Amino acid sequence: MSELTLYSRPECHLCDEAEALLGVVAPGHPFRTVDIEHDIDLLQRYGVRVPVLRREPSGAELGWPFDAHTLARFLQAP
């Protein structure tokens, strides 16, 4: 099972939607949420793009907007 990281910001309704969608599409699949707000490197990389879901070890990223179908395909990819 791949490791997932959800890059987000506080009080981001789109980030909340992405997290809820993860719970529907992949219930029980563990993921960690990373707040980019206080990390200058992450802010430069993801500032206006959050939420972004990153899959390790491949480093593949899925940026918002995504729907349940797109998310499921992303999670199933190698």
PDB file of N, CA and C in Angstrom:
ATOM      1  N   MET A   1       0.852  -1.179   0.000  1.00  0.00           N
ATOM      2  CA  MET A   1       0.000   0.000   0.000  1.00  0.00           C
ATOM      3  C   MET A   1       0.896   1.240   0.000  1.00  0.00           C
ATOM      4  N   SER A   2       0.623   2.170  -0.884  1.00  0.00           N
ATOM      5  CA  SER A   2       1.457   3.360  -0.989  1.00  0.00           C
ATOM      6  C   SER A   2       1.151   4.338   0.139  1.00  0.00           C
ATOM      7  N   GLU A   3       2.150   5.122   0.462  1.00  0.00           N
ATOM      8  CA  GLU A   3       1.997   6.162   1.474  1.00  0.00           C
ATOM      9  C   GLU A   3       1.441   7.411   0.801  1.00  0.00           C
ATOM     10  N   LEU A   4       0.462   8.043   1.431  1.00  0.00           N
ATOM     11  CA  LEU A   4      -0.172   9.236   0.877  1.00  0.00           C
ATOM     12  C   LEU A   4       0.048  10.432   1.787  1.00  0.00           C
ATOM     13  N   THR A   5       0.285  11.572   1.154  1.00  0.00           N
ATOM     14  CA  THR A   5       0.399  12.833   1.870  1.00  0.00           C
ATOM     15  C   THR A   5      -0.546  13.829   1.212  1.00  0.00           C
ATOM     16  N   LEU A   6      -1.361  14.475   2.025  1.00  0.00           N
ATOM     17  CA  LEU A   6      -2.260  15.517   1.538  1.00  0.00           C
ATOM     18  C   LEU A   6      -1.711  16.862   1.991  1.00  0.00           C
ATOM     19  N   TYR A   7      -1.258  17.661   1.041  1.00  0.00           N
ATOM     20  CA  TYR A   7      -0.762  19.000   1.349  1.00  0.00           C
ATOM     21  C   TYR A   7      -1.942  19.945   1.378  1.00  0.00           C
ATOM     22  N   SER A   8      -2.023  20.725   2.463  1.00  0.00           N
ATOM     23  CA  SER A   8      -3.194  21.576   2.656  1.00  0.00           C
ATOM     24  C   SER A   8      -2.826  22.833   3.434  1.00  0.00           C
ATOM     25  N   ARG A   9      -3.832  23.658   3.655  1.00  0.00           N
ATOM     26  CA  ARG A   9      -3.695  24.880   4.448  1.00  0.00           C
ATOM     27  C   ARG A   9      -4.845  24.924   5.439  1.00  0.00           C
ATOM     28  N   PRO A  10      -4.663  25.663   6.520  1.00  0.00           N
ATOM     29  CA  PRO A  10      -5.758  25.804   7.483  1.00  0.00           C
ATOM     30  C   PRO A  10      -6.946  26.548   6.851  1.00  0.00           C
ATOM     31  N   GLU A  11      -8.117  26.178   7.282  1.00  0.00           N
ATOM     32  CA  GLU A  11      -9.356  26.818   6.851  1.00  0.00           C
ATOM     33  C   GLU A  11      -9.522  26.817   5.335  1.00  0.00           C
ATOM     34  N   CYS A  12      -9.101  25.730   4.711  1.00  0.00           N
ATOM     35  CA  CYS A  12      -9.203  25.556   3.259  1.00  0.00           C
ATOM     36  C   CYS A  12     -10.358  24.598   2.983  1.00  0.00           C
ATOM     37  N   HIS A  13     -11.472  25.129   2.500  1.00  0.00           N
ATOM     38  CA  HIS A  13     -12.638  24.266   2.291  1.00  0.00           C
ATOM     39  C   HIS A  13     -12.386  23.225   1.200  1.00  0.00           C
ATOM     40  N   LEU A  14     -11.555  23.544   0.226  1.00  0.00           N
ATOM     41  CA  LEU A  14     -11.218  22.562  -0.808  1.00  0.00           C
ATOM     42  C   LEU A  14     -10.395  21.420  -0.212  1.00  0.00           C
ATOM     43  N   CYS A  15      -9.525  21.761   0.725  1.00  0.00           N
ATOM     44  CA  CYS A  15      -8.730  20.732   1.410  1.00  0.00           C
ATOM     45  C   CYS A  15      -9.639  19.819   2.220  1.00  0.00           C
ATOM     46  N   ASP A  16     -10.634  20.403   2.864  1.00  0.00           N
ATOM     47  CA  ASP A  16     -11.614  19.608   3.609  1.00  0.00           C
ATOM     48  C   ASP A  16     -12.367  18.671   2.671  1.00  0.00           C
ATOM     49  N   GLU A  17     -12.724  19.172   1.482  1.00  0.00           N
ATOM     50  CA  GLU A  17     -13.428  18.350   0.503  1.00  0.00           C
ATOM     51  C   GLU A  17     -12.546  17.198   0.028  1.00  0.00           C
ATOM     52  N   ALA A  18     -11.277  17.480  -0.218  1.00  0.00           N
ATOM     53  CA  ALA A  18     -10.351  16.430  -0.658  1.00  0.00           C
ATOM     54  C   ALA A  18     -10.203  15.358   0.415  1.00  0.00           C
ATOM     55  N   GLU A  19     -10.097  15.772   1.657  1.00  0.00           N
ATOM     56  CA  GLU A  19      -9.962  14.817   2.764  1.00  0.00           C
ATOM     57  C   GLU A  19     -11.218  13.951   2.888  1.00  0.00           C
ATOM     58  N   ALA A  20     -12.375  14.566   2.752  1.00  0.00           N
ATOM     59  CA  ALA A  20     -13.633  13.812   2.822  1.00  0.00           C
ATOM     60  C   ALA A  20     -13.734  12.828   1.657  1.00  0.00           C
ATOM     61  N   LEU A  21     -13.312  13.245   0.477  1.00  0.00           N
ATOM     62  CA  LEU A  21     -13.346  12.375  -0.690  1.00  0.00           C
ATOM     63  C   LEU A  21     -12.419  11.173  -0.506  1.00  0.00           C
ATOM     64  N   LEU A  22     -11.275  11.395   0.102  1.00  0.00           N
ATOM     65  CA  LEU A  22     -10.366  10.285   0.420  1.00  0.00           C
ATOM     66  C   LEU A  22     -11.055   9.267   1.326  1.00  0.00           C
ATOM     67  N   GLY A  23     -11.811   9.768   2.294  1.00  0.00           N
ATOM     68  CA  GLY A  23     -12.529   8.885   3.207  1.00  0.00           C
ATOM     69  C   GLY A  23     -13.594   8.060   2.520  1.00  0.00           C
ATOM     70  N   VAL A  24     -14.167   8.583   1.446  1.00  0.00           N
ATOM     71  CA  VAL A  24     -15.200   7.865   0.706  1.00  0.00           C
ATOM     72  C   VAL A  24     -14.578   6.874  -0.278  1.00  0.00           C
ATOM     73  N   VAL A  25     -13.573   7.319  -1.015  1.00  0.00           N
ATOM     74  CA  VAL A  25     -12.968   6.499  -2.064  1.00  0.00           C
ATOM     75  C   VAL A  25     -12.039   5.433  -1.490  1.00  0.00           C
ATOM     76  N   ALA A  26     -11.324   5.782  -0.433  1.00  0.00           N
ATOM     77  CA  ALA A  26     -10.350   4.852   0.142  1.00  0.00           C
ATOM     78  C   ALA A  26     -10.492   4.796   1.657  1.00  0.00           C
ATOM     79  N   PRO A  27     -11.656   4.346   2.148  1.00  0.00           N
ATOM     80  CA  PRO A  27     -11.837   4.295   3.599  1.00  0.00           C
ATOM     81  C   PRO A  27     -10.787   3.395   4.245  1.00  0.00           C
ATOM     82  N   GLY A  28     -10.192   3.891   5.297  1.00  0.00           N
ATOM     83  CA  GLY A  28      -9.187   3.125   6.001  1.00  0.00           C
ATOM     84  C   GLY A  28      -7.781   3.243   5.444  1.00  0.00           C
ATOM     85  N   HIS A  29      -7.630   3.816   4.248  1.00  0.00           N
ATOM     86  CA  HIS A  29      -6.284   4.004   3.684  1.00  0.00           C
ATOM     87  C   HIS A  29      -5.617   5.144   4.449  1.00  0.00           C
ATOM     88  N   PRO A  30      -4.507   4.851   5.105  1.00  0.00           N
ATOM     89  CA  PRO A  30      -3.863   5.901   5.904  1.00  0.00           C
ATOM     90  C   PRO A  30      -3.241   6.982   5.031  1.00  0.00           C
ATOM     91  N   PHE A  31      -3.329   8.197   5.506  1.00  0.00           N
ATOM     92  CA  PHE A  31      -2.656   9.319   4.858  1.00  0.00           C
ATOM     93  C   PHE A  31      -2.308  10.334   5.926  1.00  0.00           C
ATOM     94  N   ARG A  32      -1.312  11.122   5.631  1.00  0.00           N
ATOM     95  CA  ARG A  32      -0.957  12.187   6.566  1.00  0.00           C
ATOM     96  C   ARG A  32      -1.266  13.517   5.901  1.00  0.00           C
ATOM     97  N   THR A  33      -1.645  14.462   6.717  1.00  0.00           N
ATOM     98  CA  THR A  33      -1.939  15.807   6.233  1.00  0.00           C
ATOM     99  C   THR A  33      -0.787  16.715   6.636  1.00  0.00           C
ATOM    100  N   VAL A  34      -0.289  17.482   5.673  1.00  0.00           N
ATOM    101  CA  VAL A  34       0.805  18.404   5.925  1.00  0.00           C
ATOM    102  C   VAL A  34       0.309  19.821   5.668  1.00  0.00           C
ATOM    103  N   ASP A  35       0.391  20.651   6.697  1.00  0.00           N
ATOM    104  CA  ASP A  35       0.034  22.066   6.607  1.00  0.00           C
ATOM    105  C   ASP A  35       1.226  22.800   6.007  1.00  0.00           C
ATOM    106  N   ILE A  36       1.031  23.412   4.852  1.00  0.00           N
ATOM    107  CA  ILE A  36       2.132  24.087   4.166  1.00  0.00           C
ATOM    108  C   ILE A  36       2.361  25.509   4.670  1.00  0.00           C
ATOM    109  N   GLU A  37       1.482  25.993   5.507  1.00  0.00           N
ATOM    110  CA  GLU A  37       1.442  27.402   5.906  1.00  0.00           C
ATOM    111  C   GLU A  37       2.753  27.933   6.489  1.00  0.00           C
ATOM    112  N   HIS A  38       3.486  27.124   7.228  1.00  0.00           N
ATOM    113  CA  HIS A  38       4.677  27.626   7.925  1.00  0.00           C
ATOM    114  C   HIS A  38       5.981  27.057   7.372  1.00  0.00           C
ATOM    115  N   ASP A  39       5.934  26.550   6.157  1.00  0.00           N
ATOM    116  CA  ASP A  39       7.133  25.999   5.517  1.00  0.00           C
ATOM    117  C   ASP A  39       7.319  26.719   4.185  1.00  0.00           C
ATOM    118  N   ILE A  40       8.319  27.578   4.097  1.00  0.00           N
ATOM    119  CA  ILE A  40       8.512  28.420   2.918  1.00  0.00           C
ATOM    120  C   ILE A  40       8.686  27.596   1.645  1.00  0.00           C
ATOM    121  N   ASP A  41       9.393  26.468   1.735  1.00  0.00           N
ATOM    122  CA  ASP A  41       9.582  25.625   0.557  1.00  0.00           C
ATOM    123  C   ASP A  41       8.263  25.034   0.073  1.00  0.00           C
ATOM    124  N   LEU A  42       7.471  24.540   1.018  1.00  0.00           N
ATOM    125  CA  LEU A  42       6.169  23.987   0.639  1.00  0.00           C
ATOM    126  C   LEU A  42       5.221  25.074   0.148  1.00  0.00           C
ATOM    127  N   LEU A  43       5.279  26.251   0.741  1.00  0.00           N
ATOM    128  CA  LEU A  43       4.451  27.367   0.272  1.00  0.00           C
ATOM    129  C   LEU A  43       4.785  27.729  -1.166  1.00  0.00           C
ATOM    130  N   GLN A  44       6.067  27.763  -1.488  1.00  0.00           N
ATOM    131  CA  GLN A  44       6.468  28.086  -2.859  1.00  0.00           C
ATOM    132  C   GLN A  44       6.033  26.999  -3.832  1.00  0.00           C
ATOM    133  N   ARG A  45       6.092  25.767  -3.385  1.00  0.00           N
ATOM    134  CA  ARG A  45       5.747  24.648  -4.263  1.00  0.00           C
ATOM    135  C   ARG A  45       4.242  24.467  -4.445  1.00  0.00           C
ATOM    136  N   TYR A  46       3.497  24.596  -3.338  1.00  0.00           N
ATOM    137  CA  TYR A  46       2.076  24.256  -3.369  1.00  0.00           C
ATOM    138  C   TYR A  46       1.132  25.420  -3.062  1.00  0.00           C
ATOM    139  N   GLY A  47       1.646  26.594  -2.813  1.00  0.00           N
ATOM    140  CA  GLY A  47       0.861  27.716  -2.315  1.00  0.00           C
ATOM    141  C   GLY A  47      -0.528  27.896  -2.886  1.00  0.00           C
ATOM    142  N   VAL A  48      -0.648  28.003  -4.202  1.00  0.00           N
ATOM    143  CA  VAL A  48      -1.961  28.234  -4.801  1.00  0.00           C
ATOM    144  C   VAL A  48      -2.578  26.955  -5.353  1.00  0.00           C
ATOM    145  N   ARG A  49      -1.866  25.838  -5.190  1.00  0.00           N
ATOM    146  CA  ARG A  49      -2.328  24.573  -5.772  1.00  0.00           C
ATOM    147  C   ARG A  49      -3.043  23.659  -4.795  1.00  0.00           C
ATOM    148  N   VAL A  50      -3.006  23.939  -3.497  1.00  0.00           N
ATOM    149  CA  VAL A  50      -3.589  23.018  -2.529  1.00  0.00           C
ATOM    150  C   VAL A  50      -5.093  22.901  -2.724  1.00  0.00           C
ATOM    151  N   PRO A  51      -5.621  21.747  -2.435  1.00  0.00           N
ATOM    152  CA  PRO A  51      -4.980  20.552  -1.924  1.00  0.00           C
ATOM    153  C   PRO A  51      -4.265  19.762  -3.028  1.00  0.00           C
ATOM    154  N   VAL A  52      -3.176  19.128  -2.642  1.00  0.00           N
ATOM    155  CA  VAL A  52      -2.414  18.247  -3.527  1.00  0.00           C
ATOM    156  C   VAL A  52      -2.170  16.943  -2.774  1.00  0.00           C
ATOM    157  N   LEU A  53      -2.474  15.853  -3.433  1.00  0.00           N
ATOM    158  CA  LEU A  53      -2.243  14.535  -2.858  1.00  0.00           C
ATOM    159  C   LEU A  53      -0.993  13.952  -3.515  1.00  0.00           C
ATOM    160  N   ARG A  54      -0.053  13.507  -2.697  1.00  0.00           N
ATOM    161  CA  ARG A  54       1.208  12.938  -3.196  1.00  0.00           C
ATOM    162  C   ARG A  54       1.311  11.480  -2.772  1.00  0.00           C
ATOM    163  N   ARG A  55       1.724  10.638  -3.715  1.00  0.00           N
ATOM    164  CA  ARG A  55       1.860   9.205  -3.467  1.00  0.00           C
ATOM    165  C   ARG A  55       3.339   8.840  -3.466  1.00  0.00           C
ATOM    166  N   GLU A  56       3.769   8.171  -2.408  1.00  0.00           N
ATOM    167  CA  GLU A  56       5.150   7.692  -2.314  1.00  0.00           C
ATOM    168  C   GLU A  56       5.157   6.185  -2.497  1.00  0.00           C
ATOM    169  N   PRO A  57       6.168   5.606  -3.018  1.00  0.00           N
ATOM    170  CA  PRO A  57       7.474   6.194  -3.286  1.00  0.00           C
ATOM    171  C   PRO A  57       7.607   6.832  -4.665  1.00  0.00           C
ATOM    172  N   SER A  58       6.555   6.778  -5.481  1.00  0.00           N
ATOM    173  CA  SER A  58       6.674   7.274  -6.859  1.00  0.00           C
ATOM    174  C   SER A  58       6.813   8.791  -6.949  1.00  0.00           C
ATOM    175  N   GLY A  59       6.261   9.507  -5.957  1.00  0.00           N
ATOM    176  CA  GLY A  59       6.275  10.966  -6.015  1.00  0.00           C
ATOM    177  C   GLY A  59       5.179  11.539  -6.905  1.00  0.00           C
ATOM    178  N   ALA A  60       4.288  10.686  -7.398  1.00  0.00           N
ATOM    179  CA  ALA A  60       3.189  11.156  -8.242  1.00  0.00           C
ATOM    180  C   ALA A  60       2.278  12.072  -7.434  1.00  0.00           C
ATOM    181  N   GLU A  61       1.784  13.111  -8.089  1.00  0.00           N
ATOM    182  CA  GLU A  61       0.916  14.077  -7.414  1.00  0.00           C
ATOM    183  C   GLU A  61      -0.393  14.240  -8.174  1.00  0.00           C
ATOM    184  N   LEU A  62      -1.443  14.438  -7.399  1.00  0.00           N
ATOM    185  CA  LEU A  62      -2.768  14.716  -7.939  1.00  0.00           C
ATOM    186  C   LEU A  62      -3.232  16.027  -7.345  1.00  0.00           C
ATOM    187  N   GLY A  63      -3.371  17.020  -8.202  1.00  0.00           N
ATOM    188  CA  GLY A  63      -3.797  18.340  -7.734  1.00  0.00           C
ATOM    189  C   GLY A  63      -5.296  18.530  -7.896  1.00  0.00           C
ATOM    190  N   TRP A  64      -5.812  19.391  -7.069  1.00  0.00           N
ATOM    191  CA  TRP A  64      -7.230  19.738  -7.120  1.00  0.00           C
ATOM    192  C   TRP A  64      -7.488  20.541  -8.372  1.00  0.00           C
ATOM    193  N   PRO A  65      -8.609  20.380  -9.032  1.00  0.00           N
ATOM    194  CA  PRO A  65      -9.775  19.590  -8.638  1.00  0.00           C
ATOM    195  C   PRO A  65      -9.663  18.145  -9.115  1.00  0.00           C
ATOM    196  N   PHE A  66     -10.165  17.235  -8.273  1.00  0.00           N
ATOM    197  CA  PHE A  66     -10.290  15.836  -8.666  1.00  0.00           C
ATOM    198  C   PHE A  66     -11.586  15.289  -8.099  1.00  0.00           C
ATOM    199  N   ASP A  67     -12.126  14.296  -8.810  1.00  0.00           N
ATOM    200  CA  ASP A  67     -13.372  13.671  -8.375  1.00  0.00           C
ATOM    201  C   ASP A  67     -13.076  12.249  -7.914  1.00  0.00           C
ATOM    202  N   ALA A  68     -14.109  11.541  -7.523  1.00  0.00           N
ATOM    203  CA  ALA A  68     -13.943  10.192  -6.982  1.00  0.00           C
ATOM    204  C   ALA A  68     -13.298   9.252  -8.005  1.00  0.00           C
ATOM    205  N   HIS A  69     -13.704   9.347  -9.257  1.00  0.00           N
ATOM    206  CA  HIS A  69     -13.165   8.478 -10.299  1.00  0.00           C
ATOM    207  C   HIS A  69     -11.676   8.745 -10.515  1.00  0.00           C
ATOM    208  N   THR A  70     -11.304  10.001 -10.624  1.00  0.00           N
ATOM    209  CA  THR A  70      -9.898  10.382 -10.829  1.00  0.00           C
ATOM    210  C   THR A  70      -9.059   9.958  -9.634  1.00  0.00           C
ATOM    211  N   LEU A  71      -9.583  10.159  -8.436  1.00  0.00           N
ATOM    212  CA  LEU A  71      -8.859   9.782  -7.218  1.00  0.00           C
ATOM    213  C   LEU A  71      -8.662   8.258  -7.160  1.00  0.00           C
ATOM    214  N   ALA A  72      -9.683   7.509  -7.495  1.00  0.00           N
ATOM    215  CA  ALA A  72      -9.565   6.038  -7.475  1.00  0.00           C
ATOM    216  C   ALA A  72      -8.509   5.562  -8.455  1.00  0.00           C
ATOM    217  N   ARG A  73      -8.473   6.144  -9.652  1.00  0.00           N
ATOM    218  CA  ARG A  73      -7.447   5.769 -10.629  1.00  0.00           C
ATOM    219  C   ARG A  73      -6.064   6.121 -10.134  1.00  0.00           C
ATOM    220  N   PHE A  74      -5.926   7.286  -9.524  1.00  0.00           N
ATOM    221  CA  PHE A  74      -4.635   7.721  -8.978  1.00  0.00           C
ATOM    222  C   PHE A  74      -4.160   6.747  -7.909  1.00  0.00           C
ATOM    223  N   LEU A  75      -5.049   6.320  -7.047  1.00  0.00           N
ATOM    224  CA  LEU A  75      -4.683   5.406  -5.957  1.00  0.00           C
ATOM    225  C   LEU A  75      -4.327   4.014  -6.462  1.00  0.00           C
ATOM    226  N   GLN A  76      -4.880   3.601  -7.580  1.00  0.00           N
ATOM    227  CA  GLN A  76      -4.626   2.261  -8.120  1.00  0.00           C
ATOM    228  C   GLN A  76      -3.388   2.208  -9.002  1.00  0.00           C
ATOM    229  N   ALA A  77      -2.898   3.349  -9.452  1.00  0.00           N
ATOM    230  CA  ALA A  77      -1.733   3.371 -10.346  1.00  0.00           C
ATOM    231  C   ALA A  77      -0.488   2.906  -9.609  1.00  0.00           C
ATOM    232  N   PRO A  78       0.437   2.314 -10.343  1.00  0.00           N
ATOM    233  CA  PRO A  78       1.675   1.840  -9.694  1.00  0.00           C
ATOM    234  C   PRO A  78       2.569   2.978  -9.240  1.00  0.00           C
TER     235      PRO A  78
END
